[in-house]
């Protein structure tokens, strides 16, 4: 939209079905979004209008709510779903607090998608080979890129906690500061957009696939969650003596009750399960543990005031609004229904059958399809539309034959 039209308050409308558009560009049958495919109104959030510092000539971006023309939030909007979850907490005098950790890869341009991604050529003339995990070295030649990333984050008001080189080849992680869930989802979305745009300026690409490289750790989007009292700001996961509370246990119980049903919301793509089937630091289970990265639900070592639950299932490819909404909705369901978690698991452990999670997108969609809990918390229209869109994507994947199949199976009798 032109700046003049935006400043005049001109309403931007969008076909309702666009909220269910699949990643290849197609749409499920219109019955999933209304056979008339009428319009929605995109209503800008006044706190989320940003001039894009990397753009010349100048452009701006406004994060919008997708509202029905009658005024209420569209049930197909993931941002609207997250706001509804936060409102349910508020009705109980509570406010969830979250932080996200986002991992991503920085690669050289990849013009041929049949070829593997490669790290950029560094200042020493070589490509990184995986020996730089947690290094402070600059020989990868990415310092100018990251300097502009930092500058753009500051301009957009995106506060960062820590930035580090992760375990993968040319893989990095940022930890965003904790805060309001809708704000953190907005910041996570903006940061991913910023990364990709700034990378292109520097002759690079940023990839937020869950598993872009074989034999290399995937990229996650861990979600740290706590709950405070409105007004006082007291963390309800700790009592006055600093001990865990019943609300803390019930929140974990709700997470365990919802993780298998919601796996397709946390791991939304075929590639998501490539990350989860190699579970080092990417656990595909609903176990919980104190400071054990093999558990899907980890309780980081912290002071009582910072007691929190880390959901380690979501990948970097997850929709931040939907992943945070699903995780918080499961926790609230546990608090409201006084669900007790299983026993904490420490050290090396076998995952009990009742705490294992779907390990393919097909299995995850089948589980979501049968979930009464998902429809109760997010509404049948959203869940059925989401499944329809993701089923299109899965079908498209199965329409292709991979290089592995041609290489390994063609010679078989």
Protein backbone atom coordinates (compact mmCIF):
# COMPACT_ATOMS: atom_id res chain seq x y z
CA UNK A 1 0.00 0.00 0.00
CA UNK A 2 1.23 3.51 -0.66
CA UNK A 3 2.26 5.57 2.35
CA UNK A 4 -0.45 8.09 1.49
CA UNK A 5 -3.16 5.42 1.44
CA UNK A 6 -1.96 3.97 4.74
CA UNK A 7 -1.84 7.36 6.48
CA UNK A 8 -5.35 8.16 5.22
CA UNK A 9 -6.57 5.07 7.05
CA UNK A 10 -7.61 3.23 3.91
CA UNK A 11 -8.72 -0.28 4.85
CA UNK A 12 -6.77 -3.15 3.33
CA UNK A 13 -8.86 -6.24 2.67
CA UNK A 14 -7.70 -9.75 1.91
CA UNK A 15 -9.50 -12.87 0.70
CA UNK A 16 -10.26 -15.12 3.67
CA UNK A 17 -8.75 -18.15 1.98
CA UNK A 18 -5.28 -16.60 1.93
CA UNK A 19 -4.92 -17.52 5.60
CA UNK A 20 -5.01 -21.19 4.54
CA UNK A 21 -2.74 -20.85 1.50
CA UNK A 22 -0.21 -23.68 1.49
CA UNK A 23 3.52 -23.13 1.04
CA UNK A 24 3.43 -24.07 -2.67
CA UNK A 25 0.78 -21.41 -3.30
CA UNK A 26 -2.36 -23.53 -3.62
CA UNK A 27 -5.49 -23.67 -1.49
CA UNK A 28 -7.61 -26.39 0.09
CA UNK A 29 -11.27 -26.64 -0.98
CA UNK A 30 -13.23 -23.47 -0.29
CA UNK A 31 -15.46 -25.19 2.29
CA UNK A 32 -12.57 -24.79 4.74
CA UNK A 33 -12.63 -20.98 4.57
CA UNK A 34 -16.15 -20.19 3.40
CA UNK A 35 -17.50 -21.01 -0.02
CA UNK A 36 -17.91 -17.31 -0.90
CA UNK A 37 -14.21 -16.67 -0.07
CA UNK A 38 -15.18 -13.27 1.26
CA UNK A 39 -12.81 -10.63 2.57
CA UNK A 40 -11.05 -10.07 5.86
CA UNK A 41 -9.84 -6.68 7.10
CA UNK A 42 -6.14 -6.30 7.87
CA UNK A 43 -6.00 -3.98 10.89
CA UNK A 44 -2.51 -2.61 11.65
CA UNK A 45 -1.20 -2.91 15.19
CA UNK A 46 -0.08 0.66 15.97
CA UNK A 47 2.80 -0.69 18.08
CA UNK A 48 4.10 -2.78 15.18
CA UNK A 49 4.59 -0.31 12.32
CA UNK A 50 8.25 -0.24 11.31
CA UNK A 51 10.35 1.55 8.74
CA UNK A 52 12.66 -1.12 7.32
CA UNK A 53 16.24 0.11 7.83
CA UNK A 54 17.76 -2.15 5.18
CA UNK A 55 15.43 -0.97 2.42
CA UNK A 56 16.38 1.68 -0.16
CA UNK A 57 14.16 3.34 -1.31
CA UNK A 58 12.35 3.48 2.04
CA UNK A 59 9.64 0.96 2.83
CA UNK A 60 7.64 0.21 5.95
CA UNK A 61 6.06 -2.94 7.35
CA UNK A 62 2.95 -3.10 9.52
CA UNK A 63 1.99 -6.25 11.40
CA UNK A 64 -1.78 -6.60 11.18
CA UNK A 65 -4.58 -8.50 12.83
CA UNK A 66 -6.84 -10.37 10.41
CA UNK A 67 -10.39 -9.48 11.47
CA UNK A 68 -13.73 -10.49 10.04
CA UNK A 69 -15.58 -7.56 8.44
CA UNK A 70 -17.99 -7.76 11.38
CA UNK A 71 -15.12 -6.78 13.67
CA UNK A 72 -14.16 -9.94 15.56
CA UNK A 73 -10.83 -11.69 15.10
CA UNK A 74 -10.80 -14.31 12.36
CA UNK A 75 -10.53 -17.84 13.77
CA UNK A 76 -8.14 -18.61 10.91
CA UNK A 77 -5.61 -16.01 12.13
CA UNK A 78 -2.70 -17.46 14.10
CA UNK A 79 -1.99 -14.07 15.70
CA UNK A 80 -5.65 -13.91 16.68
CA UNK A 81 -5.43 -17.42 18.16
CA UNK A 82 -2.46 -16.37 20.28
CA UNK A 83 -4.23 -13.23 21.50
CA UNK A 84 -7.23 -15.37 22.47
CA UNK A 85 -5.02 -17.69 24.54
CA UNK A 86 -3.46 -14.69 26.34
CA UNK A 87 -6.98 -13.35 27.03
CA UNK A 88 -7.97 -16.67 28.62
CA UNK A 89 -5.04 -16.34 31.01
CA UNK A 90 -6.07 -12.74 31.78
CA UNK A 91 -9.60 -13.90 32.68
CA UNK A 92 -7.97 -15.88 35.52
CA UNK A 93 -5.83 -12.94 36.67
CA UNK A 94 -2.73 -14.42 35.02
CA UNK A 95 -0.30 -13.39 32.30
CA UNK A 96 2.04 -15.79 30.47
CA UNK A 97 5.62 -14.71 29.85
CA UNK A 98 7.68 -16.26 27.06
CA UNK A 99 11.05 -16.05 25.37
CA UNK A 100 12.15 -17.69 22.14
CA UNK A 101 15.52 -19.10 21.10
CA UNK A 102 15.83 -19.18 17.33
CA UNK A 103 18.50 -21.12 15.44
CA UNK A 104 19.30 -20.56 11.76
CA UNK A 105 21.94 -21.26 9.10
CA UNK A 106 23.83 -18.75 6.95
CA UNK A 107 24.78 -20.18 3.56
CA UNK A 108 26.22 -19.17 0.23
CA UNK A 109 23.55 -18.69 -2.47
CA UNK A 110 22.00 -21.97 -3.60
CA UNK A 111 20.85 -21.53 -7.19
CA UNK A 112 20.35 -25.27 -7.77
CA UNK A 113 18.04 -26.80 -5.15
CA UNK A 114 19.19 -30.31 -6.13
CA UNK A 115 22.60 -29.47 -4.62
CA UNK A 116 23.32 -29.31 -0.86
CA UNK A 117 23.61 -25.99 0.94
CA UNK A 118 27.19 -24.79 1.45
CA UNK A 119 28.62 -22.32 3.96
CA UNK A 120 30.04 -19.08 2.59
CA UNK A 121 33.72 -18.72 1.74
CA UNK A 122 35.42 -17.16 4.75
CA UNK A 123 38.10 -14.50 4.98
CA UNK A 124 40.71 -17.28 4.99
CA UNK A 125 39.45 -18.52 1.61
CA UNK A 126 37.89 -21.66 3.06
CA UNK A 127 34.38 -22.83 3.84
CA UNK A 128 33.59 -23.63 7.45
CA UNK A 129 33.75 -27.37 8.12
CA UNK A 130 31.97 -27.65 11.47
CA UNK A 131 34.80 -26.85 13.88
CA UNK A 132 33.52 -23.42 14.91
CA UNK A 133 30.77 -24.32 17.39
CA UNK A 134 30.60 -21.70 20.17
CA UNK A 135 33.66 -19.99 18.66
CA UNK A 136 34.28 -16.24 18.83
CA UNK A 137 36.37 -16.40 15.63
CA UNK A 138 35.59 -14.07 12.71
CA UNK A 139 37.27 -16.09 9.95
CA UNK A 140 33.89 -17.01 8.46
CA UNK A 141 33.72 -13.49 7.05
CA UNK A 142 30.21 -12.85 8.38
CA UNK A 143 31.06 -9.92 10.66
CA UNK A 144 29.74 -7.24 8.21
CA UNK A 145 26.48 -9.19 7.87
CA UNK A 146 26.00 -9.56 11.62
CA UNK A 147 26.94 -5.93 12.25
CA UNK A 148 24.08 -4.85 9.98
CA UNK A 149 21.77 -7.40 11.64
CA UNK A 150 22.53 -5.85 15.04
CA UNK A 151 22.00 -2.32 13.70
CA UNK A 152 18.68 -3.25 12.11
CA UNK A 153 17.52 -5.01 15.29
CA UNK A 154 18.23 -1.85 17.29
CA UNK A 155 16.35 0.30 14.76
CA UNK A 156 13.32 -2.03 14.87
CA UNK A 157 13.39 -2.15 18.69
CA UNK A 158 14.24 -5.85 18.87
CA UNK A 159 16.15 -6.36 22.11
CA UNK A 160 18.52 -9.33 22.03
CA UNK A 161 19.96 -11.31 24.89
CA UNK A 162 22.71 -13.54 23.49
CA UNK A 163 23.98 -14.43 20.04
CA UNK A 164 26.24 -17.43 19.42
CA UNK A 165 27.60 -19.84 16.86
CA UNK A 166 25.69 -23.08 17.28
CA UNK A 167 26.77 -26.68 16.71
CA UNK A 168 25.99 -26.91 13.00
CA UNK A 169 28.12 -25.74 10.08
CA UNK A 170 27.52 -21.97 9.78
CA UNK A 171 24.63 -22.27 12.26
CA UNK A 172 23.81 -19.53 14.75
CA UNK A 173 21.34 -18.86 17.57
CA UNK A 174 19.75 -15.76 19.04
CA UNK A 175 17.94 -15.57 22.37
CA UNK A 176 15.25 -12.89 22.50
CA UNK A 177 14.43 -11.26 25.85
CA UNK A 178 11.35 -12.61 27.64
CA UNK A 179 8.08 -10.71 27.61
CA UNK A 180 4.48 -10.64 26.44
CA UNK A 181 3.73 -13.64 24.15
CA UNK A 182 2.21 -11.61 21.29
CA UNK A 183 5.13 -9.18 21.40
CA UNK A 184 7.65 -12.05 21.35
CA UNK A 185 5.88 -13.71 18.43
CA UNK A 186 5.96 -10.39 16.56
CA UNK A 187 9.66 -9.97 17.35
CA UNK A 188 10.48 -13.52 16.25
CA UNK A 189 8.62 -12.98 12.96
CA UNK A 190 10.35 -9.62 12.38
CA UNK A 191 13.75 -11.07 13.19
CA UNK A 192 13.38 -13.91 10.68
CA UNK A 193 12.27 -11.42 8.00
CA UNK A 194 15.19 -9.12 8.87
CA UNK A 195 17.70 -11.98 8.65
CA UNK A 196 16.65 -13.02 5.17
CA UNK A 197 16.53 -9.48 3.80
CA UNK A 198 19.90 -8.40 5.21
CA UNK A 199 21.52 -11.66 4.07
CA UNK A 200 20.51 -10.96 0.46
CA UNK A 201 22.21 -7.55 0.66
CA UNK A 202 25.44 -9.32 1.64
CA UNK A 203 25.28 -12.01 -1.04
CA UNK A 204 24.17 -14.67 1.46
CA UNK A 205 21.04 -16.65 2.24
CA UNK A 206 19.59 -17.42 5.66
CA UNK A 207 17.76 -20.74 5.97
CA UNK A 208 15.29 -21.45 8.79
CA UNK A 209 14.47 -25.00 7.73
CA UNK A 210 14.37 -27.42 10.64
CA UNK A 211 17.03 -29.65 9.05
CA UNK A 212 18.83 -28.14 6.03
CA UNK A 213 21.97 -30.30 6.25
CA UNK A 214 22.41 -34.05 6.68
CA UNK A 215 24.61 -35.30 9.55
CA UNK A 216 24.26 -31.89 11.23
CA UNK A 217 22.06 -30.73 14.12
CA UNK A 218 18.83 -29.07 13.03
CA UNK A 219 17.47 -25.66 13.97
CA UNK A 220 14.99 -25.23 16.79
CA UNK A 221 12.79 -22.50 18.19
CA UNK A 222 12.70 -23.38 21.88
CA UNK A 223 9.96 -21.60 23.85
CA UNK A 224 10.59 -20.63 27.49
CA UNK A 225 7.36 -20.15 29.45
CA UNK A 226 6.36 -18.88 32.86
CA UNK A 227 3.14 -17.45 34.28
CA UNK A 228 2.80 -14.41 36.54
CA UNK A 229 -0.03 -12.80 38.48
CA UNK A 230 -1.49 -9.73 36.83
CA UNK A 231 -0.65 -6.70 38.92
CA UNK A 232 1.94 -8.16 41.28
CA UNK A 233 4.04 -9.87 38.60
CA UNK A 234 4.70 -12.79 40.96
CA UNK A 235 5.81 -15.99 39.23
CA UNK A 236 3.04 -18.48 40.09
CA UNK A 237 5.43 -21.39 39.47
CA UNK A 238 7.22 -20.64 42.78
CA UNK A 239 5.80 -20.22 46.29
CA UNK A 240 7.04 -17.85 49.00
CA UNK A 241 9.64 -20.38 50.10
CA UNK A 242 10.93 -20.69 46.55
CA UNK A 243 9.52 -24.17 46.02
CA UNK A 244 7.57 -25.37 42.96
CA UNK A 245 3.81 -24.83 43.19
CA UNK A 246 0.80 -26.88 42.14
CA UNK A 247 0.33 -24.47 39.22
CA UNK A 248 3.83 -25.37 38.03
CA UNK A 249 3.02 -29.09 38.12
CA UNK A 250 -0.33 -28.59 36.42
CA UNK A 251 1.24 -26.48 33.66
CA UNK A 252 3.68 -29.31 32.91
CA UNK A 253 0.81 -31.80 33.05
CA UNK A 254 -1.07 -29.78 30.45
CA UNK A 255 2.00 -29.59 28.23
CA UNK A 256 2.35 -33.37 28.39
CA UNK A 257 -1.36 -33.82 27.61
CA UNK A 258 -1.16 -31.63 24.51
CA UNK A 259 2.26 -32.25 22.93
CA UNK A 260 1.35 -35.30 20.84
CA UNK A 261 -1.94 -33.77 19.65
CA UNK A 262 -0.17 -30.50 18.81
CA UNK A 263 2.99 -31.92 17.20
CA UNK A 264 1.82 -30.85 13.73
CA UNK A 265 1.55 -27.26 15.05
CA UNK A 266 5.10 -27.34 16.45
CA UNK A 267 6.60 -29.30 13.54
CA UNK A 268 4.61 -28.13 10.49
CA UNK A 269 6.66 -29.42 7.55
CA UNK A 270 7.94 -32.69 6.14
CA UNK A 271 11.48 -31.53 6.89
CA UNK A 272 10.58 -30.85 10.54
CA UNK A 273 10.74 -34.57 11.25
CA UNK A 274 14.23 -34.89 9.80
CA UNK A 275 15.30 -32.83 12.79
CA UNK A 276 13.25 -34.87 15.24
CA UNK A 277 14.32 -38.32 14.03
CA UNK A 278 17.91 -37.50 15.08
CA UNK A 279 16.97 -36.49 18.59
CA UNK A 280 20.25 -35.14 19.98
CA UNK A 281 19.12 -31.85 21.55
CA UNK A 282 15.92 -32.17 19.46
CA UNK A 283 13.79 -34.46 21.61
CA UNK A 284 10.59 -35.84 20.13
CA UNK A 285 9.03 -36.80 23.45
CA UNK A 286 6.73 -35.34 26.08
CA UNK A 287 8.97 -36.25 29.02
CA UNK A 288 9.95 -33.55 31.48
CA UNK A 289 13.18 -33.18 33.34
CA UNK A 290 15.30 -30.80 35.38
CA UNK A 291 18.00 -29.37 33.10
CA UNK A 292 18.13 -32.39 30.76
CA UNK A 293 18.24 -31.53 27.07
CA UNK A 294 17.01 -35.00 26.10
CA UNK A 295 13.54 -34.18 27.44
CA UNK A 296 10.93 -32.42 25.35
CA UNK A 297 10.05 -30.32 28.40
CA UNK A 298 13.13 -29.03 30.20
CA UNK A 299 13.19 -27.06 33.44
CA UNK A 300 16.34 -24.92 33.13
CA UNK A 301 18.45 -24.34 36.21
CA UNK A 302 17.30 -20.98 37.59
CA UNK A 303 16.34 -19.02 40.66
CA UNK A 304 12.74 -19.45 41.93
CA UNK A 305 11.69 -16.07 40.48
CA UNK A 306 12.78 -17.28 37.02
CA UNK A 307 11.32 -20.80 37.24
CA UNK A 308 10.05 -21.70 33.76
CA UNK A 309 9.24 -24.55 31.41
CA UNK A 310 11.15 -24.84 28.13
CA UNK A 311 9.30 -26.51 25.27
CA UNK A 312 12.07 -27.93 23.07
CA UNK A 313 9.88 -29.46 20.36
CA UNK A 314 9.25 -26.51 17.96
CA UNK A 315 11.65 -26.08 15.06
CA UNK A 316 12.87 -22.85 13.49
CA UNK A 317 10.34 -23.49 10.72
CA UNK A 318 7.36 -23.22 13.09
CA UNK A 319 4.94 -20.29 12.92
CA UNK A 320 5.87 -18.40 16.13
CA UNK A 321 2.29 -17.24 16.78
CA UNK A 322 0.88 -20.74 16.44
CA UNK A 323 3.67 -22.56 18.29
CA UNK A 324 3.49 -20.17 21.27
CA UNK A 325 -0.32 -20.31 21.28
CA UNK A 326 -0.36 -24.11 21.24
CA UNK A 327 2.22 -24.41 24.01
CA UNK A 328 0.55 -21.85 26.27
CA UNK A 329 -2.93 -23.26 25.61
CA UNK A 330 -1.77 -26.71 26.67
CA UNK A 331 -0.25 -25.30 29.87
CA UNK A 332 -3.42 -23.38 30.71
CA UNK A 333 -5.51 -26.49 30.06
CA UNK A 334 -3.38 -28.26 32.67
CA UNK A 335 -3.80 -25.45 35.22
CA UNK A 336 -7.56 -25.28 34.72
CA UNK A 337 -8.01 -29.06 34.97
CA UNK A 338 -5.38 -29.69 37.69
CA UNK A 339 -3.50 -32.19 35.54
CA UNK A 340 -0.58 -33.91 37.22
CA UNK A 341 2.55 -34.64 35.17
CA UNK A 342 4.38 -37.92 35.12
CA UNK A 343 7.55 -38.32 37.13
CA UNK A 344 10.54 -36.23 36.12
CA UNK A 345 13.11 -38.21 34.14
CA UNK A 346 16.85 -37.70 34.57
CA UNK A 347 19.96 -39.06 32.86
CA UNK A 348 19.61 -41.48 29.96
CA UNK A 349 16.08 -42.80 29.71
CA UNK A 350 13.67 -44.82 27.61
CA UNK A 351 10.67 -42.82 26.42
CA UNK A 352 7.42 -44.41 27.66
CA UNK A 353 4.94 -45.20 24.90
CA UNK A 354 2.40 -42.72 26.28
CA UNK A 355 4.96 -39.89 26.04
CA UNK A 356 6.26 -40.60 22.54
CA UNK A 357 5.27 -38.23 19.75
CA UNK A 358 4.39 -38.62 16.05
CA UNK A 359 7.55 -38.99 13.98
CA UNK A 360 6.23 -38.02 10.52
CA UNK A 361 4.02 -35.21 9.26
CA UNK A 362 1.44 -37.78 8.15
CA UNK A 363 1.25 -39.30 11.63
CA UNK A 364 1.13 -35.86 13.25
CA UNK A 365 -1.76 -34.74 11.03
CA UNK A 366 -3.66 -37.96 11.74
CA UNK A 367 -3.19 -37.36 15.48
CA UNK A 368 -4.34 -33.74 15.12
CA UNK A 369 -7.35 -34.89 13.09
CA UNK A 370 -8.47 -37.11 16.00
CA UNK A 371 -7.80 -34.49 18.68
CA UNK A 372 -10.84 -33.26 20.57
CA UNK A 373 -8.50 -31.12 22.67
CA UNK A 374 -7.19 -29.19 19.65
CA UNK A 375 -10.70 -28.40 18.44
CA UNK A 376 -11.76 -27.41 21.95
CA UNK A 377 -8.86 -24.97 22.34
CA UNK A 378 -8.56 -23.59 18.79
CA UNK A 379 -11.94 -24.28 17.19
CA UNK A 380 -12.89 -26.83 14.55
CA UNK A 381 -12.66 -24.32 11.69
CA UNK A 382 -9.02 -23.52 12.35
CA UNK A 383 -7.90 -27.11 13.00
CA UNK A 384 -9.72 -28.57 10.01
CA UNK A 385 -8.45 -25.80 7.71
CA UNK A 386 -4.89 -26.22 8.96
CA UNK A 387 -5.02 -29.98 8.35
CA UNK A 388 -6.43 -29.44 4.86
CA UNK A 389 -3.63 -27.02 3.95
CA UNK A 390 -0.88 -29.24 5.37
CA UNK A 391 -2.33 -32.29 3.63
CA UNK A 392 -1.90 -30.47 0.31
CA UNK A 393 1.75 -29.88 1.16
CA UNK A 394 2.29 -33.50 2.15
CA UNK A 395 0.66 -34.71 -1.08
CA UNK A 396 2.93 -32.40 -3.09
CA UNK A 397 5.97 -33.89 -1.36
CA UNK A 398 4.86 -37.42 -2.16
CA UNK A 399 4.44 -36.41 -5.82
CA UNK A 400 8.25 -36.14 -6.13
CA UNK A 401 10.90 -38.86 -6.23
CA UNK A 402 13.99 -37.99 -4.22
CA UNK A 403 17.64 -38.46 -5.24
CA UNK A 404 18.00 -41.08 -2.46
CA UNK A 405 15.28 -43.21 -4.03
CA UNK A 406 16.89 -43.04 -7.47
CA UNK A 407 20.38 -43.67 -6.09
CA UNK A 408 19.57 -46.56 -3.76
CA UNK A 409 16.44 -48.22 -5.10
CA UNK A 410 16.81 -48.10 -8.88
CA UNK A 411 19.19 -51.08 -8.99
CA UNK A 412 17.09 -53.26 -6.70
CA UNK A 413 15.40 -56.35 -8.14
